[in-house]
């Protein structure tokens, strides 16, 4: 007889300071941003002045706003439109969870474009620098999802299936842990090893799109679709539909970067 795991009750509130309740979900975002700042500054010190600490602070701040605003707006508009129409203030209840990676990606793209314009940097130079910093934050966010007991997987009979109290009595795939492993750990290793090979400009950003899109597409086969969304074409989820173009765009970036390096601007621009 298989004895499945039972979801451990974890208080979503890490600690309280009077009326202020600090949640684990929010702390995970701060951990991700903090790690990105540390790694970015370490690489800036080795860039021979190409990147400065002030620029890193600005870039991380812009990206943080892009993640939060884009992620929340994207989640509400894509996954909770009806709820938003009925209760517009739901958009601002970010502490309850509910962030869309694809919305956050659009927000970060806009942030990188604004940063590049302000600092006279090619967009792809900024994107290649930022891409290897992202996976740690993605992994931390998935841990936050697990702590919140949300985004659980589909029903399974595998021995590592987890019984989530809010999802009924049947064991489910711990899809948050799957995504932590792929989007956080594996993606971080792949991008940073690839980045160290000093590939042509635009290829690191392309590799990010390909790998994240592929990992997310795979993870969605184990993740329970949002009940208000369900399946599309009887088989695919919204997450897969949004991830498929990422793979194609990423492959295009990599192909152009290697075959037509001048397409993404002056390839002689120094990279950190």
C-alpha atoms as a PDB file:
ATOM      1  CA  UNK A   1       0.000   0.000   0.000  1.00  0.00           C
ATOM      2  CA  UNK A   2       1.348   3.402  -1.004  1.00  0.00           C
ATOM      3  CA  UNK A   3       1.452   5.983   1.764  1.00  0.00           C
ATOM      4  CA  UNK A   4       1.348   9.401   0.188  1.00  0.00           C
ATOM      5  CA  UNK A   5       2.764  12.572   1.651  1.00  0.00           C
ATOM      6  CA  UNK A   6       0.494  15.015   3.418  1.00  0.00           C
ATOM      7  CA  UNK A   7       1.011  18.698   2.801  1.00  0.00           C
ATOM      8  CA  UNK A   8       2.591  20.191   5.930  1.00  0.00           C
ATOM      9  CA  UNK A   9       0.625  23.043   7.397  1.00  0.00           C
ATOM     10  CA  UNK A  10       2.807  26.115   6.951  1.00  0.00           C
ATOM     11  CA  UNK A  11       1.639  29.464   8.222  1.00  0.00           C
ATOM     12  CA  UNK A  12       1.808  31.792   5.196  1.00  0.00           C
ATOM     13  CA  UNK A  13       2.723  34.616   7.587  1.00  0.00           C
ATOM     14  CA  UNK A  14       6.436  34.472   8.374  1.00  0.00           C
ATOM     15  CA  UNK A  15       6.237  37.007  11.187  1.00  0.00           C
ATOM     16  CA  UNK A  16       4.204  39.983  12.329  1.00  0.00           C
ATOM     17  CA  UNK A  17       5.215  43.442  13.437  1.00  0.00           C
ATOM     18  CA  UNK A  18       2.143  44.817  15.135  1.00  0.00           C
ATOM     19  CA  UNK A  19      -0.569  45.122  12.452  1.00  0.00           C
ATOM     20  CA  UNK A  20       1.955  44.362   9.697  1.00  0.00           C
ATOM     21  CA  UNK A  21       1.992  40.729   8.566  1.00  0.00           C
ATOM     22  CA  UNK A  22       5.021  39.690   6.522  1.00  0.00           C
ATOM     23  CA  UNK A  23       4.235  36.683   4.359  1.00  0.00           C
ATOM     24  CA  UNK A  24       6.613  34.026   3.125  1.00  0.00           C
ATOM     25  CA  UNK A  25       5.418  34.630  -0.437  1.00  0.00           C
ATOM     26  CA  UNK A  26       6.612  38.216  -0.342  1.00  0.00           C
ATOM     27  CA  UNK A  27       9.858  37.246   1.368  1.00  0.00           C
ATOM     28  CA  UNK A  28      10.625  34.840  -1.472  1.00  0.00           C
ATOM     29  CA  UNK A  29      10.506  37.730  -3.934  1.00  0.00           C
ATOM     30  CA  UNK A  30      12.872  39.724  -1.733  1.00  0.00           C
ATOM     31  CA  UNK A  31      15.248  36.751  -1.554  1.00  0.00           C
ATOM     32  CA  UNK A  32      15.232  36.480  -5.345  1.00  0.00           C
ATOM     33  CA  UNK A  33      15.863  40.199  -5.819  1.00  0.00           C
ATOM     34  CA  UNK A  34      18.610  40.168  -3.180  1.00  0.00           C
ATOM     35  CA  UNK A  35      20.418  37.271  -4.841  1.00  0.00           C
ATOM     36  CA  UNK A  36      20.132  38.944  -8.252  1.00  0.00           C
ATOM     37  CA  UNK A  37      21.653  42.108  -6.789  1.00  0.00           C
ATOM     38  CA  UNK A  38      24.582  40.209  -5.257  1.00  0.00           C
ATOM     39  CA  UNK A  39      25.352  38.254  -8.429  1.00  0.00           C
ATOM     40  CA  UNK A  40      24.963  41.306 -10.663  1.00  0.00           C
ATOM     41  CA  UNK A  41      27.324  43.388  -8.507  1.00  0.00           C
ATOM     42  CA  UNK A  42      29.883  40.570  -8.446  1.00  0.00           C
ATOM     43  CA  UNK A  43      29.853  40.457 -12.237  1.00  0.00           C
ATOM     44  CA  UNK A  44      29.931  44.236 -12.511  1.00  0.00           C
ATOM     45  CA  UNK A  45      33.207  44.277 -10.552  1.00  0.00           C
ATOM     46  CA  UNK A  46      34.730  42.033 -13.219  1.00  0.00           C
ATOM     47  CA  UNK A  47      33.473  44.146 -16.139  1.00  0.00           C
ATOM     48  CA  UNK A  48      36.345  46.670 -16.107  1.00  0.00           C
ATOM     49  CA  UNK A  49      33.946  49.527 -15.528  1.00  0.00           C
ATOM     50  CA  UNK A  50      31.438  48.542 -18.207  1.00  0.00           C
ATOM     51  CA  UNK A  51      28.819  48.062 -15.480  1.00  0.00           C
ATOM     52  CA  UNK A  52      28.760  50.298 -12.412  1.00  0.00           C
ATOM     53  CA  UNK A  53      27.153  49.675  -9.027  1.00  0.00           C
ATOM     54  CA  UNK A  54      24.781  52.582  -9.650  1.00  0.00           C
ATOM     55  CA  UNK A  55      23.657  51.041 -12.932  1.00  0.00           C
ATOM     56  CA  UNK A  56      23.135  47.694 -11.230  1.00  0.00           C
ATOM     57  CA  UNK A  57      20.966  49.325  -8.570  1.00  0.00           C
ATOM     58  CA  UNK A  58      18.880  51.039 -11.244  1.00  0.00           C
ATOM     59  CA  UNK A  59      18.592  47.881 -13.326  1.00  0.00           C
ATOM     60  CA  UNK A  60      17.512  45.733 -10.389  1.00  0.00           C
ATOM     61  CA  UNK A  61      15.021  48.383  -9.260  1.00  0.00           C
ATOM     62  CA  UNK A  62      13.517  48.695 -12.749  1.00  0.00           C
ATOM     63  CA  UNK A  63      13.331  44.913 -13.050  1.00  0.00           C
ATOM     64  CA  UNK A  64      11.728  44.574  -9.613  1.00  0.00           C
ATOM     65  CA  UNK A  65       8.976  46.994 -10.604  1.00  0.00           C
ATOM     66  CA  UNK A  66       8.553  45.166 -13.897  1.00  0.00           C
ATOM     67  CA  UNK A  67       8.181  41.802 -12.168  1.00  0.00           C
ATOM     68  CA  UNK A  68       5.703  43.022  -9.567  1.00  0.00           C
ATOM     69  CA  UNK A  69       3.547  45.222 -11.783  1.00  0.00           C
ATOM     70  CA  UNK A  70       3.690  43.041 -14.868  1.00  0.00           C
ATOM     71  CA  UNK A  71       3.297  39.811 -12.928  1.00  0.00           C
ATOM     72  CA  UNK A  72       0.280  40.972 -10.989  1.00  0.00           C
ATOM     73  CA  UNK A  73      -1.453  42.743 -13.851  1.00  0.00           C
ATOM     74  CA  UNK A  74      -0.802  39.795 -16.146  1.00  0.00           C
ATOM     75  CA  UNK A  75      -2.204  37.303 -13.637  1.00  0.00           C
ATOM     76  CA  UNK A  76      -5.346  39.302 -13.021  1.00  0.00           C
ATOM     77  CA  UNK A  77      -6.044  40.053 -16.685  1.00  0.00           C
ATOM     78  CA  UNK A  78      -5.204  36.558 -17.973  1.00  0.00           C
ATOM     79  CA  UNK A  79      -6.364  34.262 -15.184  1.00  0.00           C
ATOM     80  CA  UNK A  80      -8.802  36.269 -13.050  1.00  0.00           C
ATOM     81  CA  UNK A  81     -10.544  38.639 -15.455  1.00  0.00           C
ATOM     82  CA  UNK A  82     -14.082  37.916 -14.250  1.00  0.00           C
ATOM     83  CA  UNK A  83     -13.032  38.248 -10.615  1.00  0.00           C
ATOM     84  CA  UNK A  84     -11.307  41.538 -11.392  1.00  0.00           C
ATOM     85  CA  UNK A  85     -14.401  42.931 -13.103  1.00  0.00           C
ATOM     86  CA  UNK A  86     -16.488  42.017 -10.050  1.00  0.00           C
ATOM     87  CA  UNK A  87     -13.883  43.312  -7.574  1.00  0.00           C
ATOM     88  CA  UNK A  88     -11.316  45.721  -9.129  1.00  0.00           C
ATOM     89  CA  UNK A  89      -9.479  46.116  -5.806  1.00  0.00           C
ATOM     90  CA  UNK A  90      -8.379  42.483  -6.167  1.00  0.00           C
ATOM     91  CA  UNK A  91      -5.626  43.787  -8.450  1.00  0.00           C
ATOM     92  CA  UNK A  92      -3.862  45.310  -5.444  1.00  0.00           C
ATOM     93  CA  UNK A  93      -4.112  42.286  -3.111  1.00  0.00           C
ATOM     94  CA  UNK A  94      -0.712  40.998  -4.130  1.00  0.00           C
ATOM     95  CA  UNK A  95       0.013  39.576  -0.659  1.00  0.00           C
ATOM     96  CA  UNK A  96      -2.600  36.869  -1.218  1.00  0.00           C
ATOM     97  CA  UNK A  97      -0.559  35.370  -4.063  1.00  0.00           C
ATOM     98  CA  UNK A  98      -1.294  35.286  -7.742  1.00  0.00           C
ATOM     99  CA  UNK A  99       1.472  36.345 -10.121  1.00  0.00           C
ATOM    100  CA  UNK A 100       1.872  35.526 -13.792  1.00  0.00           C
ATOM    101  CA  UNK A 101       5.360  34.774 -15.064  1.00  0.00           C
ATOM    102  CA  UNK A 102       4.437  35.788 -18.586  1.00  0.00           C
ATOM    103  CA  UNK A 103       3.049  39.107 -17.363  1.00  0.00           C
ATOM    104  CA  UNK A 104       6.182  39.615 -15.283  1.00  0.00           C
ATOM    105  CA  UNK A 105       8.315  38.842 -18.342  1.00  0.00           C
ATOM    106  CA  UNK A 106       6.617  41.600 -20.306  1.00  0.00           C
ATOM    107  CA  UNK A 107       7.149  43.942 -17.366  1.00  0.00           C
ATOM    108  CA  UNK A 108      10.872  43.097 -17.195  1.00  0.00           C
ATOM    109  CA  UNK A 109      11.240  43.521 -20.965  1.00  0.00           C
ATOM    110  CA  UNK A 110       9.828  47.027 -20.678  1.00  0.00           C
ATOM    111  CA  UNK A 111      12.091  47.709 -17.694  1.00  0.00           C
ATOM    112  CA  UNK A 112      15.184  46.563 -19.595  1.00  0.00           C
ATOM    113  CA  UNK A 113      14.216  48.686 -22.595  1.00  0.00           C
ATOM    114  CA  UNK A 114      13.818  51.770 -20.395  1.00  0.00           C
ATOM    115  CA  UNK A 115      17.128  51.074 -18.663  1.00  0.00           C
ATOM    116  CA  UNK A 116      18.921  50.540 -21.958  1.00  0.00           C
ATOM    117  CA  UNK A 117      17.518  53.745 -23.394  1.00  0.00           C
ATOM    118  CA  UNK A 118      18.530  55.746 -20.331  1.00  0.00           C
ATOM    119  CA  UNK A 119      22.065  54.303 -20.268  1.00  0.00           C
ATOM    120  CA  UNK A 120      22.665  54.002 -24.031  1.00  0.00           C
ATOM    121  CA  UNK A 121      22.893  50.213 -23.882  1.00  0.00           C
ATOM    122  CA  UNK A 122      21.662  47.874 -26.569  1.00  0.00           C
ATOM    123  CA  UNK A 123      18.564  46.002 -25.395  1.00  0.00           C
ATOM    124  CA  UNK A 124      20.178  42.625 -26.031  1.00  0.00           C
ATOM    125  CA  UNK A 125      23.238  43.557 -23.975  1.00  0.00           C
ATOM    126  CA  UNK A 126      20.942  44.262 -21.040  1.00  0.00           C
ATOM    127  CA  UNK A 127      18.840  41.146 -21.667  1.00  0.00           C
ATOM    128  CA  UNK A 128      21.904  38.878 -21.794  1.00  0.00           C
ATOM    129  CA  UNK A 129      23.138  40.331 -18.510  1.00  0.00           C
ATOM    130  CA  UNK A 130      19.774  39.982 -16.753  1.00  0.00           C
ATOM    131  CA  UNK A 131      18.747  36.513 -17.987  1.00  0.00           C
ATOM    132  CA  UNK A 132      21.194  34.469 -15.827  1.00  0.00           C
ATOM    133  CA  UNK A 133      20.092  36.425 -12.744  1.00  0.00           C
ATOM    134  CA  UNK A 134      16.433  35.461 -13.047  1.00  0.00           C
ATOM    135  CA  UNK A 135      16.192  31.704 -12.294  1.00  0.00           C
ATOM    136  CA  UNK A 136      17.020  32.007  -8.597  1.00  0.00           C
ATOM    137  CA  UNK A 137      14.068  34.358  -8.169  1.00  0.00           C
ATOM    138  CA  UNK A 138      11.826  32.024 -10.159  1.00  0.00           C
ATOM    139  CA  UNK A 139      12.806  29.138  -7.911  1.00  0.00           C
ATOM    140  CA  UNK A 140      12.187  31.203  -4.785  1.00  0.00           C
ATOM    141  CA  UNK A 141       8.757  32.135  -6.130  1.00  0.00           C
ATOM    142  CA  UNK A 142       7.855  28.462  -6.595  1.00  0.00           C
ATOM    143  CA  UNK A 143       8.829  27.769  -2.998  1.00  0.00           C
ATOM    144  CA  UNK A 144       6.488  30.604  -2.077  1.00  0.00           C
ATOM    145  CA  UNK A 145       3.724  28.905  -4.074  1.00  0.00           C
ATOM    146  CA  UNK A 146       4.318  25.666  -2.167  1.00  0.00           C
ATOM    147  CA  UNK A 147       4.222  27.449   1.183  1.00  0.00           C
ATOM    148  CA  UNK A 148       0.928  29.046   0.173  1.00  0.00           C
ATOM    149  CA  UNK A 149      -0.406  25.600  -0.782  1.00  0.00           C
ATOM    150  CA  UNK A 150      -1.347  26.817  -4.262  1.00  0.00           C
ATOM    151  CA  UNK A 151      -0.745  25.798  -7.880  1.00  0.00           C
ATOM    152  CA  UNK A 152      -0.811  22.137  -6.941  1.00  0.00           C
ATOM    153  CA  UNK A 153      -0.561  19.388  -9.529  1.00  0.00           C
ATOM    154  CA  UNK A 154      -2.926  16.891 -11.067  1.00  0.00           C
ATOM    155  CA  UNK A 155      -4.031  13.738  -9.299  1.00  0.00           C
ATOM    156  CA  UNK A 156      -1.357  11.023  -9.238  1.00  0.00           C
ATOM    157  CA  UNK A 157      -0.702   7.590  -7.775  1.00  0.00           C
ATOM    158  CA  UNK A 158       3.057   8.161  -7.564  1.00  0.00           C
ATOM    159  CA  UNK A 159       4.506   7.599  -4.066  1.00  0.00           C
ATOM    160  CA  UNK A 160       5.649  11.225  -3.807  1.00  0.00           C
ATOM    161  CA  UNK A 161       2.143  12.505  -4.435  1.00  0.00           C
ATOM    162  CA  UNK A 162       1.045  15.113  -1.900  1.00  0.00           C
ATOM    163  CA  UNK A 163      -2.399  15.422  -0.363  1.00  0.00           C
ATOM    164  CA  UNK A 164      -3.247  19.112  -0.278  1.00  0.00           C
ATOM    165  CA  UNK A 165      -6.069  19.840   2.206  1.00  0.00           C
ATOM    166  CA  UNK A 166      -7.527  22.545  -0.049  1.00  0.00           C
ATOM    167  CA  UNK A 167      -7.470  20.262  -3.094  1.00  0.00           C
ATOM    168  CA  UNK A 168      -9.430  17.319  -1.723  1.00  0.00           C
ATOM    169  CA  UNK A 169      -8.450  13.873  -0.432  1.00  0.00           C
ATOM    170  CA  UNK A 170      -6.551  12.617  -3.490  1.00  0.00           C
ATOM    171  CA  UNK A 171      -2.738  12.855  -3.791  1.00  0.00           C
ATOM    172  CA  UNK A 172      -1.406  15.262  -6.390  1.00  0.00           C
ATOM    173  CA  UNK A 173       1.855  16.012  -8.128  1.00  0.00           C
ATOM    174  CA  UNK A 174       3.825  18.641  -6.145  1.00  0.00           C
ATOM    175  CA  UNK A 175       4.106  20.684  -9.326  1.00  0.00           C
ATOM    176  CA  UNK A 176       5.561  23.679  -7.472  1.00  0.00           C
ATOM    177  CA  UNK A 177       8.585  21.530  -6.566  1.00  0.00           C
ATOM    178  CA  UNK A 178       8.879  20.300 -10.161  1.00  0.00           C
ATOM    179  CA  UNK A 179       8.923  23.901 -11.359  1.00  0.00           C
ATOM    180  CA  UNK A 180      11.388  24.908  -8.647  1.00  0.00           C
ATOM    181  CA  UNK A 181      13.732  22.188  -9.879  1.00  0.00           C
ATOM    182  CA  UNK A 182      13.410  23.056 -13.574  1.00  0.00           C
ATOM    183  CA  UNK A 183      12.827  26.815 -13.612  1.00  0.00           C
ATOM    184  CA  UNK A 184      15.040  27.520 -10.627  1.00  0.00           C
ATOM    185  CA  UNK A 185      17.894  25.013 -10.337  1.00  0.00           C
ATOM    186  CA  UNK A 186      18.315  23.637 -13.879  1.00  0.00           C
ATOM    187  CA  UNK A 187      17.680  26.942 -15.616  1.00  0.00           C
ATOM    188  CA  UNK A 188      20.198  28.700 -13.356  1.00  0.00           C
ATOM    189  CA  UNK A 189      22.883  26.101 -14.101  1.00  0.00           C
ATOM    190  CA  UNK A 190      22.268  26.076 -17.855  1.00  0.00           C
ATOM    191  CA  UNK A 191      22.197  29.843 -18.300  1.00  0.00           C
ATOM    192  CA  UNK A 192      25.221  30.579 -16.170  1.00  0.00           C
ATOM    193  CA  UNK A 193      27.343  27.863 -17.772  1.00  0.00           C
ATOM    194  CA  UNK A 194      26.280  29.132 -21.197  1.00  0.00           C
ATOM    195  CA  UNK A 195      26.938  32.742 -20.200  1.00  0.00           C
ATOM    196  CA  UNK A 196      30.497  31.875 -19.152  1.00  0.00           C
ATOM    197  CA  UNK A 197      31.228  30.667 -22.691  1.00  0.00           C
ATOM    198  CA  UNK A 198      30.784  34.295 -23.838  1.00  0.00           C
ATOM    199  CA  UNK A 199      28.337  33.461 -26.669  1.00  0.00           C
ATOM    200  CA  UNK A 200      27.283  36.100 -29.240  1.00  0.00           C
ATOM    201  CA  UNK A 201      24.980  38.848 -28.085  1.00  0.00           C
ATOM    202  CA  UNK A 202      21.328  37.885 -27.885  1.00  0.00           C
ATOM    203  CA  UNK A 203      21.967  34.166 -27.483  1.00  0.00           C
ATOM    204  CA  UNK A 204      21.820  34.126 -23.671  1.00  0.00           C
ATOM    205  CA  UNK A 205      18.442  35.854 -23.733  1.00  0.00           C
ATOM    206  CA  UNK A 206      17.384  33.395 -26.428  1.00  0.00           C
ATOM    207  CA  UNK A 207      18.535  30.445 -24.333  1.00  0.00           C
ATOM    208  CA  UNK A 208      16.475  31.748 -21.418  1.00  0.00           C
ATOM    209  CA  UNK A 209      13.337  31.890 -23.549  1.00  0.00           C
ATOM    210  CA  UNK A 210      13.900  28.410 -24.970  1.00  0.00           C
ATOM    211  CA  UNK A 211      14.687  26.705 -21.668  1.00  0.00           C
ATOM    212  CA  UNK A 212      12.029  28.412 -19.589  1.00  0.00           C
ATOM    213  CA  UNK A 213       9.409  27.875 -22.270  1.00  0.00           C
ATOM    214  CA  UNK A 214      10.326  24.196 -22.557  1.00  0.00           C
ATOM    215  CA  UNK A 215      10.466  23.609 -18.791  1.00  0.00           C
ATOM    216  CA  UNK A 216       7.152  25.370 -18.241  1.00  0.00           C
ATOM    217  CA  UNK A 217       5.537  23.472 -21.115  1.00  0.00           C
ATOM    218  CA  UNK A 218       6.623  20.171 -19.541  1.00  0.00           C
ATOM    219  CA  UNK A 219       5.576  21.201 -16.023  1.00  0.00           C
ATOM    220  CA  UNK A 220       2.084  22.099 -17.212  1.00  0.00           C
ATOM    221  CA  UNK A 221       1.413  18.415 -17.985  1.00  0.00           C
ATOM    222  CA  UNK A 222       1.608  17.799 -14.232  1.00  0.00           C
ATOM    223  CA  UNK A 223       0.057  21.033 -12.963  1.00  0.00           C
ATOM    224  CA  UNK A 224      -3.672  21.346 -12.364  1.00  0.00           C
ATOM    225  CA  UNK A 225      -5.078  24.013 -14.701  1.00  0.00           C
ATOM    226  CA  UNK A 226      -6.779  26.992 -13.141  1.00  0.00           C
ATOM    227  CA  UNK A 227     -10.449  25.994 -12.763  1.00  0.00           C
ATOM    228  CA  UNK A 228     -11.673  29.134 -14.497  1.00  0.00           C
ATOM    229  CA  UNK A 229      -9.421  28.418 -17.485  1.00  0.00           C
ATOM    230  CA  UNK A 230      -9.463  24.657 -17.962  1.00  0.00           C
ATOM    231  CA  UNK A 231      -7.998  23.095 -21.095  1.00  0.00           C
ATOM    232  CA  UNK A 232      -7.690  24.488 -24.600  1.00  0.00           C
ATOM    233  CA  UNK A 233      -8.079  22.193 -27.598  1.00  0.00           C
ATOM    234  CA  UNK A 234      -8.987  19.487 -25.041  1.00  0.00           C
ATOM    235  CA  UNK A 235      -5.389  19.040 -23.960  1.00  0.00           C
ATOM    236  CA  UNK A 236      -3.296  22.186 -23.532  1.00  0.00           C
ATOM    237  CA  UNK A 237      -3.276  24.767 -20.753  1.00  0.00           C
ATOM    238  CA  UNK A 238      -2.961  28.528 -20.917  1.00  0.00           C
ATOM    239  CA  UNK A 239       0.572  28.210 -19.538  1.00  0.00           C
ATOM    240  CA  UNK A 240       1.550  26.003 -22.473  1.00  0.00           C
ATOM    241  CA  UNK A 241      -0.079  28.295 -24.999  1.00  0.00           C
ATOM    242  CA  UNK A 242       1.867  31.255 -23.608  1.00  0.00           C
ATOM    243  CA  UNK A 243       5.129  29.281 -23.390  1.00  0.00           C
ATOM    244  CA  UNK A 244       5.175  27.850 -26.911  1.00  0.00           C
ATOM    245  CA  UNK A 245       5.936  31.221 -28.575  1.00  0.00           C
ATOM    246  CA  UNK A 246       8.777  31.744 -26.099  1.00  0.00           C
ATOM    247  CA  UNK A 247      10.502  28.618 -27.412  1.00  0.00           C
ATOM    248  CA  UNK A 248      10.149  29.716 -31.035  1.00  0.00           C
ATOM    249  CA  UNK A 249      11.292  33.275 -30.350  1.00  0.00           C
ATOM    250  CA  UNK A 250      14.236  32.037 -28.277  1.00  0.00           C
ATOM    251  CA  UNK A 251      15.364  29.651 -31.013  1.00  0.00           C
ATOM    252  CA  UNK A 252      15.146  32.513 -33.497  1.00  0.00           C
ATOM    253  CA  UNK A 253      17.302  34.731 -31.274  1.00  0.00           C
ATOM    254  CA  UNK A 254      19.945  32.013 -30.909  1.00  0.00           C
ATOM    255  CA  UNK A 255      19.997  31.325 -34.653  1.00  0.00           C
ATOM    256  CA  UNK A 256      20.332  35.015 -35.523  1.00  0.00           C
ATOM    257  CA  UNK A 257      22.955  35.597 -32.830  1.00  0.00           C
ATOM    258  CA  UNK A 258      25.204  32.853 -34.205  1.00  0.00           C
ATOM    259  CA  UNK A 259      24.624  33.331 -37.929  1.00  0.00           C
ATOM    260  CA  UNK A 260      24.133  37.097 -38.131  1.00  0.00           C
ATOM    261  CA  UNK A 261      25.748  38.588 -35.011  1.00  0.00           C
ATOM    262  CA  UNK A 262      25.529  42.108 -36.421  1.00  0.00           C
ATOM    263  CA  UNK A 263      21.743  41.863 -36.398  1.00  0.00           C
ATOM    264  CA  UNK A 264      21.716  42.666 -32.684  1.00  0.00           C
ATOM    265  CA  UNK A 265      23.941  45.727 -32.979  1.00  0.00           C
ATOM    266  CA  UNK A 266      27.668  46.268 -32.671  1.00  0.00           C
ATOM    267  CA  UNK A 267      29.045  42.931 -31.502  1.00  0.00           C
ATOM    268  CA  UNK A 268      32.237  44.633 -30.315  1.00  0.00           C
ATOM    269  CA  UNK A 269      30.397  46.191 -27.373  1.00  0.00           C
ATOM    270  CA  UNK A 270      32.001  44.814 -24.228  1.00  0.00           C
ATOM    271  CA  UNK A 271      30.027  42.296 -22.185  1.00  0.00           C
ATOM    272  CA  UNK A 272      30.393  41.789 -18.467  1.00  0.00           C
END
